[in-house]
Amino acid sequence: MCETEDKLLLVKKYGLKHENNAWYSEKENSHKHLIFKDAFFERTDVIGLLFRINKLCMAKVKYFRENIRKYEPVKYHYKEGFVAVPLWDADFLRHSASGYILDFRCLQTITVYEDFAAICQELEAFEIS
Protein backbone atom coordinates (compact mmCIF):
# COMPACT_ATOMS: atom_id res chain seq x y z
CA MET A 1 0.00 0.00 0.00
CA CYS A 2 1.39 3.45 -0.87
CA GLU A 3 1.82 6.25 1.62
CA THR A 4 -0.97 8.35 0.10
CA GLU A 5 -3.42 5.48 0.64
CA ASP A 6 -2.22 5.16 4.24
CA LYS A 7 -2.77 8.88 4.77
CA LEU A 8 -6.31 8.63 3.41
CA LEU A 9 -7.03 5.65 5.67
CA LEU A 10 -5.77 7.70 8.63
CA VAL A 11 -8.05 10.61 7.71
CA LYS A 12 -10.98 8.20 7.40
CA LYS A 13 -10.19 6.55 10.75
CA TYR A 14 -10.42 9.89 12.53
CA GLY A 15 -13.48 11.01 10.56
CA LEU A 16 -11.85 14.19 9.29
CA LYS A 17 -13.85 16.31 6.87
CA HIS A 18 -12.29 18.00 3.84
CA GLU A 19 -13.36 21.57 3.24
CA ASN A 20 -11.69 24.64 1.65
CA ASN A 21 -8.29 22.94 1.14
CA ALA A 22 -8.10 21.78 4.75
CA TRP A 23 -9.05 18.86 6.98
CA TYR A 24 -11.28 19.43 10.01
CA SER A 25 -12.44 17.44 12.99
CA GLU A 26 -16.14 17.88 13.58
CA LYS A 27 -17.48 15.72 16.36
CA GLU A 28 -20.94 15.71 17.83
CA ASN A 29 -21.37 18.29 20.61
CA SER A 30 -18.11 20.10 19.80
CA HIS A 31 -16.94 22.86 17.51
CA LYS A 32 -15.29 22.15 14.19
CA HIS A 33 -11.55 22.72 14.35
CA LEU A 34 -8.75 22.69 11.83
CA ILE A 35 -6.37 19.72 12.00
CA PHE A 36 -4.17 20.45 8.97
CA LYS A 37 -4.24 22.05 5.53
CA ASP A 38 -3.83 20.25 2.21
CA ALA A 39 -0.25 21.53 1.84
CA PHE A 40 0.71 19.83 5.12
CA PHE A 41 -1.13 16.66 4.09
CA GLU A 42 0.83 16.54 0.83
CA ARG A 43 4.30 17.25 2.20
CA THR A 44 4.35 15.23 5.40
CA ASP A 45 4.39 11.51 6.09
CA VAL A 46 2.02 9.27 8.05
CA ILE A 47 3.91 9.93 11.29
CA GLY A 48 3.54 13.68 10.78
CA LEU A 49 -0.22 13.38 10.23
CA LEU A 50 -0.75 10.88 13.05
CA PHE A 51 1.16 13.03 15.51
CA ARG A 52 -0.62 16.23 14.36
CA ILE A 53 -4.01 14.58 14.89
CA ASN A 54 -2.86 13.47 18.35
CA LYS A 55 -1.46 16.96 19.08
CA LEU A 56 2.14 15.85 19.61
CA CYS A 57 5.00 18.32 19.30
CA MET A 58 7.70 18.40 16.62
CA ALA A 59 10.36 17.03 19.00
CA LYS A 60 8.30 13.85 19.33
CA VAL A 61 7.69 13.71 15.57
CA LYS A 62 11.43 14.06 14.92
CA TYR A 63 12.35 11.39 17.49
CA PHE A 64 9.85 8.83 16.22
CA ARG A 65 10.66 9.47 12.57
CA GLU A 66 14.27 8.67 13.32
CA ASN A 67 13.50 5.69 15.58
CA ILE A 68 10.24 4.19 14.33
CA ARG A 69 12.00 0.93 13.44
CA LYS A 70 12.46 0.38 17.20
CA TYR A 71 8.69 0.46 17.74
CA GLU A 72 5.76 -1.65 16.69
CA PRO A 73 2.46 0.14 15.97
CA VAL A 74 -0.36 -1.47 17.95
CA LYS A 75 -3.95 -0.93 19.00
CA TYR A 76 -5.99 -2.58 21.70
CA HIS A 77 -8.53 -5.29 20.90
CA TYR A 78 -10.85 -6.19 23.75
CA LYS A 79 -10.40 -9.96 23.25
CA GLU A 80 -6.86 -10.21 21.89
CA GLY A 81 -5.14 -7.43 23.82
CA PHE A 82 -2.57 -5.36 21.95
CA VAL A 83 -2.36 -6.33 18.27
CA ALA A 84 0.06 -5.20 15.59
CA VAL A 85 -1.43 -2.83 13.00
CA PRO A 86 -0.16 -0.58 10.21
CA LEU A 87 1.17 2.76 11.47
CA TRP A 88 -1.85 4.72 10.22
CA ASP A 89 -4.13 2.61 12.46
CA ALA A 90 -1.98 2.75 15.60
CA ASP A 91 -3.19 4.07 18.94
CA PHE A 92 -0.02 3.01 20.73
CA LEU A 93 3.62 2.24 19.99
CA ARG A 94 5.30 -0.78 21.58
CA HIS A 95 9.01 -0.35 22.20
CA SER A 96 10.50 -3.59 20.86
CA ALA A 97 13.47 -3.84 23.25
CA SER A 98 11.57 -3.14 26.48
CA GLY A 99 8.03 -4.19 25.60
CA TYR A 100 6.77 -0.89 27.05
CA ILE A 101 3.72 0.54 25.34
CA LEU A 102 3.50 4.27 24.72
CA ASP A 103 0.02 5.77 24.49
CA PHE A 104 -0.33 8.84 22.26
CA ARG A 105 -2.57 10.42 24.91
CA CYS A 106 0.15 10.04 27.54
CA LEU A 107 2.77 11.45 25.16
CA GLN A 108 0.53 14.54 24.88
CA THR A 109 0.92 15.21 28.58
CA ILE A 110 4.71 15.46 28.37
CA THR A 111 5.30 19.16 27.77
CA VAL A 112 8.86 19.61 29.03
CA TYR A 113 11.48 18.57 26.49
CA GLU A 114 13.86 17.26 29.16
CA ASP A 115 11.14 14.92 30.47
CA PHE A 116 10.64 13.48 26.99
CA ALA A 117 14.40 13.15 26.49
CA ALA A 118 14.64 11.25 29.82
CA ILE A 119 11.99 8.75 28.68
CA CYS A 120 13.84 8.26 25.39
CA GLN A 121 17.11 7.63 27.26
CA GLU A 122 15.40 5.13 29.54
CA LEU A 123 14.01 3.23 26.56
CA GLU A 124 17.33 3.35 24.69
CA ALA A 125 19.05 1.75 27.70
CA PHE A 126 17.06 -1.43 26.96
CA GLU A 127 18.48 -1.46 23.42
CA ILE A 128 22.05 -1.64 24.68
CA SER A 129 21.54 -4.55 27.10
C-alpha atoms as a PDB file:
ATOM      1  CA  MET A   1       0.000   0.000   0.000  1.00  0.00           C
ATOM      2  CA  CYS A   2       1.391   3.446  -0.872  1.00  0.00           C
ATOM      3  CA  GLU A   3       1.821   6.245   1.624  1.00  0.00           C
ATOM      4  CA  THR A   4      -0.974   8.348   0.099  1.00  0.00           C
ATOM      5  CA  GLU A   5      -3.418   5.480   0.638  1.00  0.00           C
ATOM      6  CA  ASP A   6      -2.216   5.157   4.243  1.00  0.00           C
ATOM      7  CA  LYS A   7      -2.769   8.878   4.767  1.00  0.00           C
ATOM      8  CA  LEU A   8      -6.315   8.631   3.406  1.00  0.00           C
ATOM      9  CA  LEU A   9      -7.032   5.653   5.671  1.00  0.00           C
ATOM     10  CA  LEU A  10      -5.769   7.703   8.633  1.00  0.00           C
ATOM     11  CA  VAL A  11      -8.054  10.609   7.710  1.00  0.00           C
ATOM     12  CA  LYS A  12     -10.982   8.200   7.405  1.00  0.00           C
ATOM     13  CA  LYS A  13     -10.194   6.548  10.752  1.00  0.00           C
ATOM     14  CA  TYR A  14     -10.425   9.891  12.533  1.00  0.00           C
ATOM     15  CA  GLY A  15     -13.480  11.009  10.561  1.00  0.00           C
ATOM     16  CA  LEU A  16     -11.848  14.186   9.294  1.00  0.00           C
ATOM     17  CA  LYS A  17     -13.851  16.314   6.866  1.00  0.00           C
ATOM     18  CA  HIS A  18     -12.288  18.000   3.841  1.00  0.00           C
ATOM     19  CA  GLU A  19     -13.361  21.567   3.237  1.00  0.00           C
ATOM     20  CA  ASN A  20     -11.688  24.640   1.653  1.00  0.00           C
ATOM     21  CA  ASN A  21      -8.290  22.942   1.145  1.00  0.00           C
ATOM     22  CA  ALA A  22      -8.102  21.781   4.747  1.00  0.00           C
ATOM     23  CA  TRP A  23      -9.050  18.865   6.983  1.00  0.00           C
ATOM     24  CA  TYR A  24     -11.281  19.431  10.007  1.00  0.00           C
ATOM     25  CA  SER A  25     -12.440  17.442  12.986  1.00  0.00           C
ATOM     26  CA  GLU A  26     -16.136  17.878  13.580  1.00  0.00           C
ATOM     27  CA  LYS A  27     -17.481  15.722  16.359  1.00  0.00           C
ATOM     28  CA  GLU A  28     -20.944  15.714  17.831  1.00  0.00           C
ATOM     29  CA  ASN A  29     -21.368  18.288  20.606  1.00  0.00           C
ATOM     30  CA  SER A  30     -18.114  20.104  19.797  1.00  0.00           C
ATOM     31  CA  HIS A  31     -16.938  22.864  17.515  1.00  0.00           C
ATOM     32  CA  LYS A  32     -15.290  22.146  14.187  1.00  0.00           C
ATOM     33  CA  HIS A  33     -11.549  22.720  14.349  1.00  0.00           C
ATOM     34  CA  LEU A  34      -8.754  22.693  11.830  1.00  0.00           C
ATOM     35  CA  ILE A  35      -6.373  19.718  12.004  1.00  0.00           C
ATOM     36  CA  PHE A  36      -4.170  20.454   8.966  1.00  0.00           C
ATOM     37  CA  LYS A  37      -4.239  22.047   5.530  1.00  0.00           C
ATOM     38  CA  ASP A  38      -3.827  20.249   2.212  1.00  0.00           C
ATOM     39  CA  ALA A  39      -0.252  21.530   1.836  1.00  0.00           C
ATOM     40  CA  PHE A  40       0.712  19.830   5.115  1.00  0.00           C
ATOM     41  CA  PHE A  41      -1.132  16.659   4.089  1.00  0.00           C
ATOM     42  CA  GLU A  42       0.828  16.538   0.830  1.00  0.00           C
ATOM     43  CA  ARG A  43       4.302  17.252   2.195  1.00  0.00           C
ATOM     44  CA  THR A  44       4.346  15.232   5.399  1.00  0.00           C
ATOM     45  CA  ASP A  45       4.388  11.505   6.094  1.00  0.00           C
ATOM     46  CA  VAL A  46       2.018   9.270   8.047  1.00  0.00           C
ATOM     47  CA  ILE A  47       3.908   9.930  11.292  1.00  0.00           C
ATOM     48  CA  GLY A  48       3.541  13.679  10.784  1.00  0.00           C
ATOM     49  CA  LEU A  49      -0.218  13.376  10.235  1.00  0.00           C
ATOM     50  CA  LEU A  50      -0.746  10.883  13.051  1.00  0.00           C
ATOM     51  CA  PHE A  51       1.163  13.034  15.506  1.00  0.00           C
ATOM     52  CA  ARG A  52      -0.623  16.226  14.364  1.00  0.00           C
ATOM     53  CA  ILE A  53      -4.005  14.578  14.890  1.00  0.00           C
ATOM     54  CA  ASN A  54      -2.858  13.472  18.350  1.00  0.00           C
ATOM     55  CA  LYS A  55      -1.456  16.962  19.080  1.00  0.00           C
ATOM     56  CA  LEU A  56       2.135  15.850  19.607  1.00  0.00           C
ATOM     57  CA  CYS A  57       5.003  18.319  19.299  1.00  0.00           C
ATOM     58  CA  MET A  58       7.700  18.399  16.618  1.00  0.00           C
ATOM     59  CA  ALA A  59      10.360  17.035  19.003  1.00  0.00           C
ATOM     60  CA  LYS A  60       8.301  13.849  19.331  1.00  0.00           C
ATOM     61  CA  VAL A  61       7.694  13.713  15.570  1.00  0.00           C
ATOM     62  CA  LYS A  62      11.428  14.056  14.923  1.00  0.00           C
ATOM     63  CA  TYR A  63      12.352  11.388  17.485  1.00  0.00           C
ATOM     64  CA  PHE A  64       9.847   8.829  16.224  1.00  0.00           C
ATOM     65  CA  ARG A  65      10.655   9.474  12.572  1.00  0.00           C
ATOM     66  CA  GLU A  66      14.273   8.666  13.324  1.00  0.00           C
ATOM     67  CA  ASN A  67      13.498   5.692  15.581  1.00  0.00           C
ATOM     68  CA  ILE A  68      10.237   4.192  14.326  1.00  0.00           C
ATOM     69  CA  ARG A  69      11.998   0.929  13.438  1.00  0.00           C
ATOM     70  CA  LYS A  70      12.458   0.383  17.198  1.00  0.00           C
ATOM     71  CA  TYR A  71       8.691   0.458  17.738  1.00  0.00           C
ATOM     72  CA  GLU A  72       5.756  -1.653  16.688  1.00  0.00           C
ATOM     73  CA  PRO A  73       2.460   0.141  15.972  1.00  0.00           C
ATOM     74  CA  VAL A  74      -0.357  -1.470  17.952  1.00  0.00           C
ATOM     75  CA  LYS A  75      -3.946  -0.933  18.997  1.00  0.00           C
ATOM     76  CA  TYR A  76      -5.990  -2.578  21.701  1.00  0.00           C
ATOM     77  CA  HIS A  77      -8.527  -5.286  20.901  1.00  0.00           C
ATOM     78  CA  TYR A  78     -10.849  -6.187  23.747  1.00  0.00           C
ATOM     79  CA  LYS A  79     -10.398  -9.959  23.252  1.00  0.00           C
ATOM     80  CA  GLU A  80      -6.863 -10.208  21.888  1.00  0.00           C
ATOM     81  CA  GLY A  81      -5.140  -7.428  23.821  1.00  0.00           C
ATOM     82  CA  PHE A  82      -2.574  -5.358  21.951  1.00  0.00           C
ATOM     83  CA  VAL A  83      -2.362  -6.331  18.275  1.00  0.00           C
ATOM     84  CA  ALA A  84       0.061  -5.197  15.589  1.00  0.00           C
ATOM     85  CA  VAL A  85      -1.425  -2.832  13.000  1.00  0.00           C
ATOM     86  CA  PRO A  86      -0.158  -0.577  10.213  1.00  0.00           C
ATOM     87  CA  LEU A  87       1.173   2.758  11.466  1.00  0.00           C
ATOM     88  CA  TRP A  88      -1.852   4.718  10.221  1.00  0.00           C
ATOM     89  CA  ASP A  89      -4.133   2.611  12.460  1.00  0.00           C
ATOM     90  CA  ALA A  90      -1.976   2.745  15.603  1.00  0.00           C
ATOM     91  CA  ASP A  91      -3.190   4.067  18.936  1.00  0.00           C
ATOM     92  CA  PHE A  92      -0.020   3.009  20.726  1.00  0.00           C
ATOM     93  CA  LEU A  93       3.621   2.244  19.985  1.00  0.00           C
ATOM     94  CA  ARG A  94       5.297  -0.782  21.584  1.00  0.00           C
ATOM     95  CA  HIS A  95       9.013  -0.349  22.196  1.00  0.00           C
ATOM     96  CA  SER A  96      10.504  -3.585  20.864  1.00  0.00           C
ATOM     97  CA  ALA A  97      13.467  -3.842  23.255  1.00  0.00           C
ATOM     98  CA  SER A  98      11.571  -3.141  26.483  1.00  0.00           C
ATOM     99  CA  GLY A  99       8.029  -4.187  25.603  1.00  0.00           C
ATOM    100  CA  TYR A 100       6.767  -0.888  27.052  1.00  0.00           C
ATOM    101  CA  ILE A 101       3.718   0.544  25.344  1.00  0.00           C
ATOM    102  CA  LEU A 102       3.497   4.269  24.717  1.00  0.00           C
ATOM    103  CA  ASP A 103       0.024   5.769  24.492  1.00  0.00           C
ATOM    104  CA  PHE A 104      -0.332   8.838  22.261  1.00  0.00           C
ATOM    105  CA  ARG A 105      -2.567  10.421  24.909  1.00  0.00           C
ATOM    106  CA  CYS A 106       0.152  10.040  27.538  1.00  0.00           C
ATOM    107  CA  LEU A 107       2.767  11.449  25.164  1.00  0.00           C
ATOM    108  CA  GLN A 108       0.531  14.544  24.880  1.00  0.00           C
ATOM    109  CA  THR A 109       0.921  15.214  28.584  1.00  0.00           C
ATOM    110  CA  ILE A 110       4.715  15.457  28.368  1.00  0.00           C
ATOM    111  CA  THR A 111       5.298  19.159  27.772  1.00  0.00           C
ATOM    112  CA  VAL A 112       8.860  19.613  29.031  1.00  0.00           C
ATOM    113  CA  TYR A 113      11.481  18.566  26.493  1.00  0.00           C
ATOM    114  CA  GLU A 114      13.858  17.262  29.161  1.00  0.00           C
ATOM    115  CA  ASP A 115      11.142  14.924  30.474  1.00  0.00           C
ATOM    116  CA  PHE A 116      10.640  13.480  26.991  1.00  0.00           C
ATOM    117  CA  ALA A 117      14.400  13.146  26.489  1.00  0.00           C
ATOM    118  CA  ALA A 118      14.642  11.252  29.820  1.00  0.00           C
ATOM    119  CA  ILE A 119      11.992   8.751  28.684  1.00  0.00           C
ATOM    120  CA  CYS A 120      13.842   8.261  25.389  1.00  0.00           C
ATOM    121  CA  GLN A 121      17.110   7.631  27.256  1.00  0.00           C
ATOM    122  CA  GLU A 122      15.404   5.130  29.542  1.00  0.00           C
ATOM    123  CA  LEU A 123      14.010   3.233  26.558  1.00  0.00           C
ATOM    124  CA  GLU A 124      17.326   3.352  24.685  1.00  0.00           C
ATOM    125  CA  ALA A 125      19.049   1.745  27.696  1.00  0.00           C
ATOM    126  CA  PHE A 126      17.063  -1.428  26.957  1.00  0.00           C
ATOM    127  CA  GLU A 127      18.476  -1.461  23.423  1.00  0.00           C
ATOM    128  CA  ILE A 128      22.051  -1.641  24.684  1.00  0.00           C
ATOM    129  CA  SER A 129      21.542  -4.553  27.097  1.00  0.00           C
END
